[in-house]
N, C-alpha and C. Protein backbone atom coordinates (compact mmCIF):
# COMPACT_ATOMS: atom_id res chain seq x y z
N PRO A 1 3.47 -1.27 35.97
CA PRO A 1 3.36 -0.30 34.88
C PRO A 1 2.79 -0.93 33.61
N THR A 2 2.05 -0.15 32.87
CA THR A 2 1.47 -0.63 31.62
C THR A 2 2.55 -0.71 30.55
N ALA A 3 2.24 -1.40 29.47
CA ALA A 3 3.18 -1.49 28.36
C ALA A 3 3.48 -0.11 27.80
N ALA A 4 2.46 0.75 27.74
CA ALA A 4 2.67 2.11 27.22
C ALA A 4 3.60 2.91 28.14
N ASN A 5 3.48 2.72 29.45
CA ASN A 5 4.39 3.40 30.38
C ASN A 5 5.82 2.90 30.25
N LYS A 6 5.98 1.59 30.09
CA LYS A 6 7.31 1.02 29.88
C LYS A 6 7.91 1.57 28.59
N PHE A 7 7.08 1.66 27.56
CA PHE A 7 7.53 2.21 26.29
C PHE A 7 7.99 3.65 26.48
N ARG A 8 7.20 4.45 27.18
CA ARG A 8 7.52 5.86 27.43
C ARG A 8 8.90 5.99 28.09
N GLU A 9 9.14 5.17 29.12
CA GLU A 9 10.43 5.21 29.81
C GLU A 9 11.57 4.80 28.89
N ALA A 10 11.38 3.73 28.15
CA ALA A 10 12.43 3.25 27.25
C ALA A 10 12.70 4.25 26.13
N TYR A 11 11.65 4.88 25.63
CA TYR A 11 11.80 5.87 24.55
C TYR A 11 12.60 7.07 25.05
N ALA A 12 12.34 7.51 26.28
CA ALA A 12 13.08 8.63 26.86
C ALA A 12 14.55 8.27 27.03
N ILE A 13 14.83 7.06 27.48
CA ILE A 13 16.21 6.61 27.63
C ILE A 13 16.91 6.58 26.28
N MET A 14 16.22 6.05 25.27
CA MET A 14 16.81 5.97 23.93
C MET A 14 17.15 7.36 23.39
N LEU A 15 16.20 8.30 23.48
CA LEU A 15 16.46 9.64 22.96
C LEU A 15 17.56 10.34 23.76
N ASP A 16 17.60 10.11 25.05
CA ASP A 16 18.66 10.69 25.87
C ASP A 16 20.03 10.18 25.44
N LYS A 17 20.13 8.89 25.16
CA LYS A 17 21.40 8.31 24.69
C LYS A 17 21.81 8.90 23.34
N ILE A 18 20.83 9.04 22.45
CA ILE A 18 21.14 9.63 21.14
C ILE A 18 21.60 11.07 21.31
N ARG A 19 20.89 11.83 22.12
CA ARG A 19 21.23 13.24 22.37
C ARG A 19 22.63 13.35 22.99
N THR A 20 22.96 12.45 23.91
CA THR A 20 24.27 12.46 24.56
C THR A 20 25.38 12.12 23.57
N GLU A 21 25.14 11.11 22.76
CA GLU A 21 26.15 10.66 21.79
C GLU A 21 26.33 11.64 20.64
N TYR A 22 25.25 12.28 20.23
CA TYR A 22 25.27 13.20 19.08
C TYR A 22 24.61 14.52 19.47
N PRO A 23 25.26 15.32 20.30
CA PRO A 23 24.62 16.53 20.85
C PRO A 23 24.22 17.57 19.80
N LYS A 24 24.85 17.56 18.66
CA LYS A 24 24.53 18.56 17.63
C LYS A 24 23.54 18.04 16.58
N ALA A 25 23.15 16.78 16.70
CA ALA A 25 22.26 16.16 15.71
C ALA A 25 20.84 16.70 15.83
N GLU A 26 20.21 16.85 14.69
CA GLU A 26 18.78 17.15 14.67
C GLU A 26 18.06 15.81 14.69
N ILE A 27 17.26 15.58 15.69
CA ILE A 27 16.62 14.28 15.89
C ILE A 27 15.16 14.35 15.46
N TYR A 28 14.73 13.34 14.71
CA TYR A 28 13.34 13.23 14.26
C TYR A 28 12.75 11.94 14.82
N CYS A 29 11.55 12.04 15.33
CA CYS A 29 10.82 10.89 15.84
C CYS A 29 9.54 10.76 15.03
N SER A 30 9.15 9.53 14.76
CA SER A 30 7.91 9.36 13.99
C SER A 30 6.86 8.67 14.84
N THR A 31 5.62 9.09 14.63
CA THR A 31 4.51 8.42 15.28
C THR A 31 4.24 7.10 14.56
N ILE A 32 3.46 6.27 15.19
CA ILE A 32 3.14 4.95 14.67
C ILE A 32 1.86 5.04 13.85
N MET A 33 1.90 4.48 12.66
CA MET A 33 0.68 4.49 11.84
C MET A 33 -0.26 3.39 12.32
N ALA A 34 -1.48 3.45 11.87
CA ALA A 34 -2.50 2.47 12.26
C ALA A 34 -2.04 1.05 11.95
N ARG A 35 -2.51 0.12 12.72
CA ARG A 35 -2.24 -1.31 12.52
C ARG A 35 -3.58 -2.04 12.58
N PRO A 36 -3.76 -3.06 11.77
CA PRO A 36 -5.05 -3.76 11.76
C PRO A 36 -5.37 -4.49 13.05
N ASN A 37 -4.37 -4.87 13.84
CA ASN A 37 -4.63 -5.64 15.06
C ASN A 37 -4.50 -4.80 16.34
N ALA A 38 -4.41 -3.49 16.20
CA ALA A 38 -4.30 -2.61 17.37
C ALA A 38 -5.48 -1.64 17.40
N THR A 39 -5.91 -1.32 18.59
CA THR A 39 -7.01 -0.37 18.71
C THR A 39 -6.49 1.06 18.56
N ASP A 40 -7.36 1.96 18.17
CA ASP A 40 -6.98 3.37 18.07
C ASP A 40 -6.48 3.87 19.42
N TYR A 41 -7.08 3.38 20.51
CA TYR A 41 -6.67 3.81 21.85
C TYR A 41 -5.21 3.42 22.12
N THR A 42 -4.85 2.19 21.79
CA THR A 42 -3.48 1.72 22.01
C THR A 42 -2.49 2.54 21.19
N ILE A 43 -2.78 2.74 19.92
CA ILE A 43 -1.92 3.54 19.05
C ILE A 43 -1.80 4.95 19.62
N LYS A 44 -2.90 5.52 20.09
CA LYS A 44 -2.88 6.87 20.65
C LYS A 44 -1.97 6.94 21.87
N GLN A 45 -2.01 5.94 22.75
CA GLN A 45 -1.15 5.94 23.93
C GLN A 45 0.32 6.00 23.54
N TYR A 46 0.70 5.17 22.60
CA TYR A 46 2.10 5.14 22.16
C TYR A 46 2.47 6.44 21.45
N ASN A 47 1.59 6.93 20.59
CA ASN A 47 1.89 8.17 19.88
C ASN A 47 1.94 9.37 20.83
N ASP A 48 1.09 9.39 21.84
CA ASP A 48 1.16 10.45 22.85
C ASP A 48 2.51 10.42 23.55
N ALA A 49 3.00 9.22 23.87
CA ALA A 49 4.31 9.08 24.52
C ALA A 49 5.41 9.58 23.60
N ILE A 50 5.36 9.21 22.34
CA ILE A 50 6.38 9.64 21.38
C ILE A 50 6.38 11.16 21.28
N ARG A 51 5.22 11.75 21.13
CA ARG A 51 5.13 13.21 21.01
C ARG A 51 5.66 13.90 22.28
N GLU A 52 5.25 13.40 23.42
CA GLU A 52 5.65 14.02 24.70
C GLU A 52 7.17 13.95 24.90
N ILE A 53 7.74 12.78 24.71
CA ILE A 53 9.17 12.61 24.92
C ILE A 53 9.97 13.38 23.88
N ALA A 54 9.51 13.36 22.65
CA ALA A 54 10.20 14.12 21.60
C ALA A 54 10.23 15.61 21.93
N GLU A 55 9.11 16.13 22.40
CA GLU A 55 9.05 17.55 22.76
C GLU A 55 10.00 17.84 23.93
N LEU A 56 9.98 16.99 24.94
CA LEU A 56 10.86 17.18 26.10
C LEU A 56 12.34 17.15 25.71
N MET A 57 12.67 16.33 24.71
CA MET A 57 14.06 16.16 24.30
C MET A 57 14.45 17.07 23.14
N GLY A 58 13.52 17.89 22.68
CA GLY A 58 13.83 18.81 21.59
C GLY A 58 13.92 18.16 20.22
N ALA A 59 13.24 17.04 20.05
CA ALA A 59 13.22 16.35 18.75
C ALA A 59 11.99 16.79 17.96
N LYS A 60 12.07 16.64 16.65
CA LYS A 60 10.95 16.98 15.78
C LYS A 60 10.13 15.72 15.50
N ILE A 61 8.86 15.94 15.17
CA ILE A 61 7.94 14.82 14.93
C ILE A 61 7.62 14.69 13.44
N ILE A 62 7.69 13.47 12.97
CA ILE A 62 7.14 13.11 11.66
C ILE A 62 5.86 12.35 11.98
N ASP A 63 4.73 12.94 11.63
CA ASP A 63 3.45 12.43 12.10
C ASP A 63 2.80 11.45 11.13
N PHE A 64 3.34 10.22 11.10
CA PHE A 64 2.77 9.19 10.24
C PHE A 64 1.34 8.82 10.67
N ALA A 65 1.04 8.96 11.95
CA ALA A 65 -0.31 8.65 12.43
C ALA A 65 -1.34 9.58 11.81
N LYS A 66 -0.91 10.77 11.46
CA LYS A 66 -1.81 11.74 10.84
C LYS A 66 -2.14 11.36 9.39
N CYS A 67 -1.16 10.84 8.68
CA CYS A 67 -1.39 10.56 7.26
C CYS A 67 -1.84 9.12 7.00
N LEU A 68 -1.54 8.19 7.89
CA LEU A 68 -1.98 6.79 7.75
C LEU A 68 -2.64 6.39 9.06
N ASN A 69 -3.95 6.48 9.11
CA ASN A 69 -4.68 6.20 10.34
C ASN A 69 -5.80 5.19 10.10
N SER A 70 -6.55 4.89 11.14
CA SER A 70 -7.58 3.85 11.03
C SER A 70 -8.68 4.20 10.03
N LYS A 71 -8.84 5.48 9.73
CA LYS A 71 -9.88 5.88 8.78
C LYS A 71 -9.47 5.63 7.33
N ASN A 72 -8.17 5.64 7.04
CA ASN A 72 -7.74 5.47 5.66
C ASN A 72 -6.74 4.33 5.48
N TYR A 73 -6.48 3.58 6.53
CA TYR A 73 -5.44 2.56 6.52
C TYR A 73 -5.58 1.59 5.35
N GLN A 74 -6.75 1.02 5.17
CA GLN A 74 -6.95 0.02 4.12
C GLN A 74 -6.74 0.59 2.72
N GLN A 75 -6.98 1.87 2.56
CA GLN A 75 -6.81 2.53 1.26
C GLN A 75 -5.34 2.61 0.85
N PHE A 76 -4.44 2.67 1.83
CA PHE A 76 -3.03 2.91 1.54
C PHE A 76 -2.10 1.78 1.95
N ILE A 77 -2.66 0.63 2.27
CA ILE A 77 -1.83 -0.48 2.74
C ILE A 77 -1.70 -1.55 1.65
N SER A 78 -0.56 -2.23 1.63
CA SER A 78 -0.34 -3.25 0.61
C SER A 78 -1.06 -4.55 0.97
N SER A 79 -0.95 -5.52 0.10
CA SER A 79 -1.67 -6.78 0.29
C SER A 79 -1.17 -7.57 1.50
N ASP A 80 0.03 -7.26 2.01
CA ASP A 80 0.51 -7.97 3.21
C ASP A 80 -0.14 -7.44 4.48
N ASN A 81 -0.94 -6.37 4.33
CA ASN A 81 -1.69 -5.77 5.44
C ASN A 81 -0.78 -5.18 6.53
N ILE A 82 0.46 -4.90 6.18
CA ILE A 82 1.41 -4.30 7.12
C ILE A 82 2.06 -3.06 6.51
N HIS A 83 2.61 -3.22 5.32
CA HIS A 83 3.39 -2.15 4.71
C HIS A 83 2.53 -1.28 3.79
N PRO A 84 2.85 0.01 3.76
CA PRO A 84 2.12 0.90 2.84
C PRO A 84 2.41 0.53 1.39
N GLU A 85 1.44 0.76 0.54
CA GLU A 85 1.67 0.60 -0.89
C GLU A 85 2.15 1.95 -1.44
N TYR A 86 2.26 2.07 -2.74
CA TYR A 86 2.88 3.24 -3.37
C TYR A 86 2.28 4.56 -2.86
N ASP A 87 0.97 4.71 -2.92
CA ASP A 87 0.35 5.97 -2.48
C ASP A 87 0.52 6.20 -0.98
N GLY A 88 0.59 5.12 -0.21
CA GLY A 88 0.86 5.25 1.21
C GLY A 88 2.26 5.79 1.47
N HIS A 89 3.22 5.30 0.68
CA HIS A 89 4.58 5.82 0.81
C HIS A 89 4.66 7.29 0.38
N ILE A 90 3.89 7.67 -0.60
CA ILE A 90 3.85 9.08 -1.02
C ILE A 90 3.34 9.93 0.14
N ARG A 91 2.28 9.49 0.80
CA ARG A 91 1.75 10.23 1.96
C ARG A 91 2.79 10.33 3.07
N MET A 92 3.50 9.23 3.32
CA MET A 92 4.54 9.25 4.35
C MET A 92 5.67 10.21 3.97
N CYS A 93 6.05 10.18 2.71
CA CYS A 93 7.10 11.09 2.22
C CYS A 93 6.68 12.54 2.40
N ASP A 94 5.44 12.84 2.09
CA ASP A 94 4.93 14.21 2.27
C ASP A 94 5.04 14.64 3.72
N GLU A 95 4.75 13.74 4.67
CA GLU A 95 4.86 14.07 6.09
C GLU A 95 6.32 14.31 6.48
N MET A 96 7.23 13.50 5.90
CA MET A 96 8.65 13.70 6.20
C MET A 96 9.12 15.06 5.69
N ILE A 97 8.70 15.41 4.50
CA ILE A 97 9.09 16.70 3.94
C ILE A 97 8.59 17.85 4.81
N LYS A 98 7.34 17.76 5.28
CA LYS A 98 6.79 18.79 6.16
C LYS A 98 7.63 18.96 7.42
N ALA A 99 8.09 17.84 7.97
CA ALA A 99 8.86 17.89 9.22
C ALA A 99 10.25 18.46 9.01
N VAL A 100 10.86 18.16 7.88
CA VAL A 100 12.23 18.56 7.62
C VAL A 100 12.35 20.00 7.14
N LEU A 101 11.37 20.44 6.36
CA LEU A 101 11.48 21.79 5.79
C LEU A 101 10.92 22.87 6.68
């Protein structure tokens, strides 16, 4: 199995455990934002798995991949090239608000 398939299986197990432990909880899953050392294809595989498993388990999606992607990543990333800077966090916050409200 590929790494993405292993991730898909592990993600399903994790959400199932959360759902079992907290049956009344509203669960939110977030997609992965762009990374400088990962291809768009790799990120897409993982995000597709997150979306698919979240839907199957009745969880909501916070779509960070939509607001921080390979087209705008450098514009919103801090000097450590990993973490979002202020405006990047604002974009992420806006996505969280959309998912929650």
